Amino acid sequence: MSDLNHRFAATSRRALLLGSVATMAAAPRPGTIVVSVDVTDGRCVVPVLFDGRMARMVVDTGAERTVITRAAAARLGLRRDLWVDTPMVGAGGLLETRPNVDVGYATLGGVALLQNLPGRGLSLSVTDLPLGEEDGLLGGDMLRHHTLDLDMQTAQLVLGPPGETFSAGNCVPLQPWAHGLLLAPLHVDGQELTALVDTGASATLINARGLYKLGITSAGAARDPVVTAAGLGGSFQGHMHRFAALQLGQLTVSNPLLLTAPVPEAAFDVILGLDILGQQRFLLSYASLRLGLRPT
């Protein structure tokens, strides 16, 4: 997402991860809240209460702001915000501008979700663009107030204090980008690339800028299988390309099959989705700008 832009969310949602999870069932730490996560089809969906009414929201670090569908806003009885509206551009290129809705309070696992200062209320962006079966996207405007500890295998999200420190054998430094989005360095086939950390994407996407750096031309991509992907803004066609290796810190994924599409983007080369991030339990700190990965 961005401005609000949802950079990518693949329709080919893939189930993630197999194997033993016994060692990862960590006990709650002081000051943290454990939330059960629905990981069906490779998405990370949590129940959020808006003014006491429940909505199914995708945990989306690739979204600048929290977004709710117009149908969900009507079902939840949320009032129109008379002062704020939000333009949204999606990966499919469509644009819409709709008034926001007012929310008195929002909670996840009993924890208050904030956008700005306590007591100021919340203003949610509204969309008619397709979000699948979910009611909306829980974006960085609310997530940045917490340290996220997500384990896809145990289907648990732990919310920690924003300044919480953590030690991990594989700790990747992050760079802040516009409106609280986070960028991570990674290597694909030995080429250093910049990736948007996007838990809202079930599949990793290499865009036009990344394809250029990797030397993959349109003629070369044409030999790869064609797939249809969808994001906020409509669907588009891409290709599935088999690379030799992807490295994120100390995590190496051999022979990854990644989505490629000549989507223009000036700030990063890759949208790093849950097909890669979910291969290990990961911790994300907006405050310390660190991504920690722990073997499962």
Protein backbone atom coordinates (compact mmCIF):
# COMPACT_ATOMS: atom_id res chain seq x y z
CA MET A 1 0.00 0.00 0.00
CA SER A 2 1.04 3.57 -0.28
CA ASP A 3 -0.70 7.00 -0.09
CA LEU A 4 -2.84 4.86 0.13
CA ASN A 5 -1.25 2.35 -2.30
CA HIS A 6 -1.68 -1.38 -1.94
CA ARG A 7 1.36 -2.49 -3.81
CA PHE A 8 0.39 -6.11 -4.13
CA ALA A 9 -1.66 -8.99 -2.81
CA ALA A 10 -1.63 -12.12 -4.92
CA THR A 11 -4.78 -14.05 -5.70
CA SER A 12 -2.83 -17.27 -5.66
CA ARG A 13 -2.76 -17.39 -1.86
CA ARG A 14 -0.49 -20.25 -0.87
CA ALA A 15 -0.54 -22.31 2.30
CA LEU A 16 2.73 -21.79 4.17
CA LEU A 17 5.04 -23.89 6.22
CA LEU A 18 5.18 -27.47 7.38
CA GLY A 19 7.01 -29.14 10.24
CA SER A 20 7.39 -29.23 13.99
CA VAL A 21 6.28 -26.16 15.95
CA ALA A 22 6.79 -27.40 19.48
CA THR A 23 9.88 -25.30 20.11
CA MET A 24 8.19 -22.09 19.00
CA ALA A 25 5.23 -22.00 21.41
CA ALA A 26 6.78 -19.23 23.46
CA ALA A 27 5.20 -18.13 26.73
CA PRO A 28 3.87 -14.56 26.75
CA ARG A 29 6.44 -12.01 27.88
CA PRO A 30 5.57 -9.33 30.44
CA GLY A 31 3.73 -6.45 28.80
CA THR A 32 2.74 -8.46 25.72
CA ILE A 33 -0.56 -9.72 24.37
CA VAL A 34 -1.00 -12.96 22.41
CA VAL A 35 -3.55 -12.91 19.58
CA SER A 36 -4.73 -15.95 17.62
CA VAL A 37 -4.28 -15.53 13.87
CA ASP A 38 -6.23 -17.04 11.00
CA VAL A 39 -3.58 -18.13 8.50
CA THR A 40 -5.95 -19.68 5.95
CA ASP A 41 -4.60 -19.38 2.39
CA GLY A 42 -1.35 -17.83 3.57
CA ARG A 43 -2.90 -14.64 4.92
CA CYS A 44 -2.52 -13.27 8.43
CA VAL A 45 -6.02 -12.25 9.57
CA VAL A 46 -6.91 -11.01 13.06
CA PRO A 47 -10.18 -9.98 14.76
CA VAL A 48 -10.27 -6.23 15.44
CA LEU A 49 -13.08 -4.56 17.36
CA PHE A 50 -14.18 -1.17 16.01
CA ASP A 51 -16.49 0.50 18.52
CA GLY A 52 -17.12 -2.97 19.96
CA ARG A 53 -18.00 -4.66 16.65
CA MET A 54 -15.72 -7.28 15.11
CA ALA A 55 -14.02 -7.01 11.71
CA ARG A 56 -11.62 -9.48 10.07
CA MET A 57 -8.49 -7.50 9.24
CA VAL A 58 -5.35 -8.50 7.35
CA VAL A 59 -2.14 -7.59 9.23
CA ASP A 60 -0.51 -5.50 6.51
CA THR A 61 2.87 -3.85 7.11
CA GLY A 62 2.81 -2.86 3.43
CA ALA A 63 -0.16 -0.55 4.03
CA GLU A 64 0.50 2.99 5.14
CA ARG A 65 -2.92 3.31 6.73
CA THR A 66 -5.68 1.10 8.02
CA VAL A 67 -8.36 0.51 5.37
CA ILE A 68 -11.88 -0.87 5.68
CA THR A 69 -14.29 -1.83 2.92
CA ARG A 70 -17.41 0.24 2.46
CA ALA A 71 -19.54 -2.87 3.01
CA ALA A 72 -17.83 -3.55 6.34
CA ALA A 73 -18.14 0.09 7.41
CA ALA A 74 -21.88 -0.06 6.75
CA ARG A 75 -22.25 -3.37 8.59
CA LEU A 76 -20.37 -2.01 11.59
CA GLY A 77 -22.40 1.20 11.62
CA LEU A 78 -19.36 3.49 11.32
CA ARG A 79 -20.04 7.18 10.75
CA ARG A 80 -18.70 9.20 7.84
CA ASP A 81 -15.76 11.47 8.65
CA LEU A 82 -16.86 14.90 7.45
CA TRP A 83 -13.31 16.26 7.38
CA VAL A 84 -11.06 13.58 5.87
CA ASP A 85 -10.98 11.55 2.69
CA THR A 86 -8.20 9.40 1.22
CA PRO A 87 -7.10 8.86 -2.40
CA MET A 88 -6.06 5.27 -3.10
CA VAL A 89 -4.00 3.92 -5.97
CA GLY A 90 -3.55 0.18 -6.34
CA ALA A 91 -1.24 -2.15 -8.20
CA GLY A 92 -3.85 -2.40 -10.94
CA GLY A 93 -3.68 1.34 -11.50
CA LEU A 94 -7.20 2.35 -10.48
CA LEU A 95 -7.81 5.41 -8.33
CA GLU A 96 -10.65 6.19 -5.97
CA THR A 97 -11.22 8.86 -3.36
CA ARG A 98 -13.77 8.26 -0.63
CA PRO A 99 -14.56 9.93 2.68
CA ASN A 100 -13.08 8.25 5.73
CA VAL A 101 -15.17 6.88 8.59
CA ASP A 102 -14.90 7.83 12.27
CA VAL A 103 -14.15 5.22 14.93
CA GLY A 104 -14.31 6.00 18.62
CA TYR A 105 -11.99 3.18 19.65
CA ALA A 106 -10.41 0.02 18.22
CA THR A 107 -8.92 -2.96 20.05
CA LEU A 108 -6.96 -6.08 19.15
CA GLY A 109 -6.69 -8.75 21.81
CA GLY A 110 -7.91 -6.20 24.35
CA VAL A 111 -5.13 -3.75 23.41
CA ALA A 112 -6.16 -0.28 22.22
CA LEU A 113 -5.09 0.49 18.67
CA LEU A 114 -3.95 4.06 18.11
CA GLN A 115 -3.22 6.24 15.12
CA ASN A 116 -1.99 9.40 16.78
CA LEU A 117 -2.32 10.40 20.43
CA PRO A 118 -4.63 8.62 22.91
CA GLY A 119 -8.11 10.09 23.04
CA ARG A 120 -8.00 11.60 19.55
CA GLY A 121 -10.21 8.94 17.94
CA LEU A 122 -9.54 7.14 14.68
CA SER A 123 -10.22 7.90 11.03
CA LEU A 124 -10.24 4.91 8.68
CA SER A 125 -9.83 4.98 4.92
CA VAL A 126 -12.69 3.34 3.01
CA THR A 127 -12.49 1.40 -0.23
CA ASP A 128 -14.78 -0.27 -2.75
CA LEU A 129 -11.82 -2.02 -4.34
CA PRO A 130 -11.68 -5.79 -3.75
CA LEU A 131 -10.08 -7.16 -0.58
CA GLY A 132 -11.25 -10.75 -0.93
CA GLU A 133 -13.22 -12.11 2.02
CA GLU A 134 -11.65 -9.79 4.61
CA ASP A 135 -13.11 -6.55 5.95
CA GLY A 136 -9.96 -4.48 5.64
CA LEU A 137 -6.24 -4.00 6.15
CA LEU A 138 -4.62 -3.24 9.50
CA GLY A 139 -1.88 -0.88 8.40
CA GLY A 140 1.29 0.72 9.67
CA ASP A 141 -0.51 3.72 11.20
CA MET A 142 -1.72 1.34 13.95
CA LEU A 143 0.92 -1.41 13.83
CA ARG A 144 3.84 0.98 14.38
CA HIS A 145 2.85 1.47 18.02
CA HIS A 146 3.78 -2.17 18.74
CA THR A 147 6.56 -4.68 18.29
CA LEU A 148 5.17 -7.55 16.20
CA ASP A 149 6.12 -11.17 16.86
CA LEU A 150 4.40 -13.33 14.24
CA ASP A 151 4.63 -17.11 14.00
CA MET A 152 2.65 -18.48 11.08
CA GLN A 153 3.10 -22.11 12.19
CA THR A 154 1.55 -21.64 15.61
CA ALA A 155 -0.89 -19.06 14.20
CA GLN A 156 -0.01 -16.51 16.88
CA LEU A 157 0.73 -12.81 16.84
CA VAL A 158 2.34 -11.32 19.94
CA LEU A 159 2.03 -7.56 20.43
CA GLY A 160 4.86 -6.07 22.46
CA PRO A 161 5.77 -2.56 23.57
CA PRO A 162 6.99 -0.31 20.73
CA GLY A 163 10.46 0.04 22.23
CA GLU A 164 10.86 -3.65 23.05
CA THR A 165 14.29 -5.01 22.19
CA PHE A 166 14.90 -8.54 21.04
CA SER A 167 17.85 -10.70 20.27
CA ALA A 168 17.80 -12.96 17.26
CA GLY A 169 20.52 -14.84 15.43
CA ASN A 170 19.28 -13.32 12.21
CA CYS A 171 18.60 -9.61 12.68
CA VAL A 172 18.10 -7.51 9.56
CA PRO A 173 18.36 -3.70 9.73
CA LEU A 174 15.45 -1.80 8.19
CA GLN A 175 15.13 1.60 6.58
CA PRO A 176 12.05 3.77 7.16
CA TRP A 177 10.26 4.89 4.04
CA ALA A 178 7.29 7.18 3.43
CA HIS A 179 4.50 7.11 6.01
CA GLY A 180 5.97 4.40 8.22
CA LEU A 181 6.65 1.70 5.62
CA LEU A 182 9.80 -0.37 6.11
CA LEU A 183 12.47 -1.45 3.61
CA ALA A 184 14.86 -4.38 4.03
CA PRO A 185 18.03 -5.35 2.12
CA LEU A 186 18.08 -8.77 0.49
CA HIS A 187 19.91 -10.63 -2.27
CA VAL A 188 18.40 -12.53 -5.17
CA ASP A 189 20.87 -14.59 -7.22
CA GLY A 190 23.67 -12.53 -5.66
CA GLN A 191 22.17 -9.17 -6.65
CA GLU A 192 21.51 -6.76 -3.78
CA LEU A 193 17.94 -5.49 -3.83
CA THR A 194 15.68 -3.36 -1.63
CA ALA A 195 12.43 -4.92 -0.44
CA LEU A 196 9.23 -3.54 1.06
CA VAL A 197 8.35 -5.64 4.12
CA ASP A 198 4.74 -6.49 3.30
CA THR A 199 2.84 -8.97 5.47
CA GLY A 200 -0.26 -8.15 3.44
CA ALA A 201 1.19 -9.93 0.39
CA SER A 202 1.06 -13.71 0.37
CA ALA A 203 3.55 -13.90 -2.49
CA THR A 204 6.81 -12.05 -3.09
CA LEU A 205 6.87 -9.83 -6.19
CA ILE A 206 9.88 -8.52 -8.11
CA ASN A 207 8.87 -5.32 -9.89
CA ALA A 208 10.23 -3.50 -12.94
CA ARG A 209 13.10 -1.93 -11.03
CA GLY A 210 14.16 -5.30 -9.62
CA LEU A 211 13.85 -7.02 -12.99
CA TYR A 212 16.16 -4.41 -14.50
CA LYS A 213 18.79 -4.96 -11.80
CA LEU A 214 18.55 -8.73 -12.28
CA GLY A 215 18.88 -8.42 -16.04
CA ILE A 216 15.54 -10.09 -16.76
CA THR A 217 14.09 -8.69 -19.97
CA SER A 218 10.52 -8.91 -21.20
CA ALA A 219 11.66 -11.51 -23.73
CA GLY A 220 13.26 -13.57 -20.99
CA ALA A 221 10.21 -13.29 -18.72
CA ALA A 222 7.95 -14.40 -21.56
CA ARG A 223 9.37 -17.92 -21.23
CA ASP A 224 8.01 -18.16 -17.65
CA PRO A 225 4.48 -19.34 -16.76
CA VAL A 226 1.88 -16.56 -16.81
CA VAL A 227 -0.25 -15.90 -13.73
CA THR A 228 -2.94 -13.35 -12.89
CA ALA A 229 -2.39 -11.38 -9.69
CA ALA A 230 -4.66 -8.87 -8.00
CA GLY A 231 -4.22 -5.95 -5.68
CA LEU A 232 -6.11 -2.87 -4.68
CA GLY A 233 -6.75 -1.29 -8.03
CA GLY A 234 -7.47 -4.38 -10.12
CA SER A 235 -5.73 -7.41 -11.55
CA PHE A 236 -2.61 -7.64 -13.68
CA GLN A 237 -0.54 -10.36 -15.33
CA GLY A 238 2.83 -11.51 -14.15
CA HIS A 239 5.16 -14.46 -14.52
CA MET A 240 6.49 -17.06 -12.09
CA HIS A 241 10.29 -17.20 -12.32
CA ARG A 242 12.57 -19.77 -10.69
CA PHE A 243 15.61 -18.12 -9.15
CA ALA A 244 18.70 -19.84 -7.78
CA ALA A 245 18.62 -18.33 -4.28
CA LEU A 246 17.12 -15.58 -2.13
CA GLN A 247 18.99 -14.41 0.96
CA LEU A 248 17.46 -12.30 3.75
CA GLY A 249 20.07 -11.83 6.45
CA GLN A 250 21.10 -15.37 7.39
CA LEU A 251 17.99 -16.95 5.86
CA THR A 252 18.70 -18.55 2.49
CA VAL A 253 15.85 -19.88 0.35
CA SER A 254 17.06 -22.16 -2.42
CA ASN A 255 15.37 -22.18 -5.83
CA PRO A 256 12.52 -19.82 -4.86
CA LEU A 257 9.64 -19.47 -7.32
CA LEU A 258 8.78 -15.76 -7.27
CA LEU A 259 6.25 -13.59 -9.04
CA THR A 260 7.66 -11.04 -11.47
CA ALA A 261 5.78 -8.18 -13.11
CA PRO A 262 6.95 -4.93 -14.77
CA VAL A 263 5.13 -2.82 -12.18
CA PRO A 264 6.85 0.59 -11.93
CA GLU A 265 8.19 1.61 -8.52
CA ALA A 266 10.84 4.19 -7.70
CA ALA A 267 11.64 3.27 -4.09
CA PHE A 268 12.16 -0.51 -3.95
CA ASP A 269 12.75 -3.59 -6.09
CA VAL A 270 10.78 -6.30 -4.31
CA ILE A 271 7.58 -6.70 -2.34
CA LEU A 272 8.62 -9.21 0.33
CA GLY A 273 5.59 -11.31 1.20
CA LEU A 274 4.64 -14.05 3.61
CA ASP A 275 5.83 -16.85 1.34
CA ILE A 276 9.36 -15.79 2.37
CA LEU A 277 8.79 -13.99 5.69
CA GLY A 278 6.60 -16.81 6.99
CA GLN A 279 9.28 -19.44 6.58
CA GLN A 280 10.60 -18.42 10.00
CA ARG A 281 9.04 -16.83 13.03
CA PHE A 282 9.74 -13.14 12.62
CA LEU A 283 9.81 -10.12 14.89
CA LEU A 284 9.33 -6.62 13.57
CA SER A 285 10.18 -3.46 15.52
CA TYR A 286 9.15 -0.14 14.03
CA ALA A 287 10.89 1.70 16.87
CA SER A 288 14.31 0.04 16.57
CA LEU A 289 14.06 -0.60 12.81
CA ARG A 290 14.91 -4.28 13.09
CA LEU A 291 13.52 -7.46 11.55
CA GLY A 292 14.42 -10.60 13.49
CA LEU A 293 14.07 -14.08 12.03
CA ARG A 294 14.16 -17.23 14.17
CA PRO A 295 14.18 -20.81 12.90
CA THR A 296 10.99 -22.77 13.56
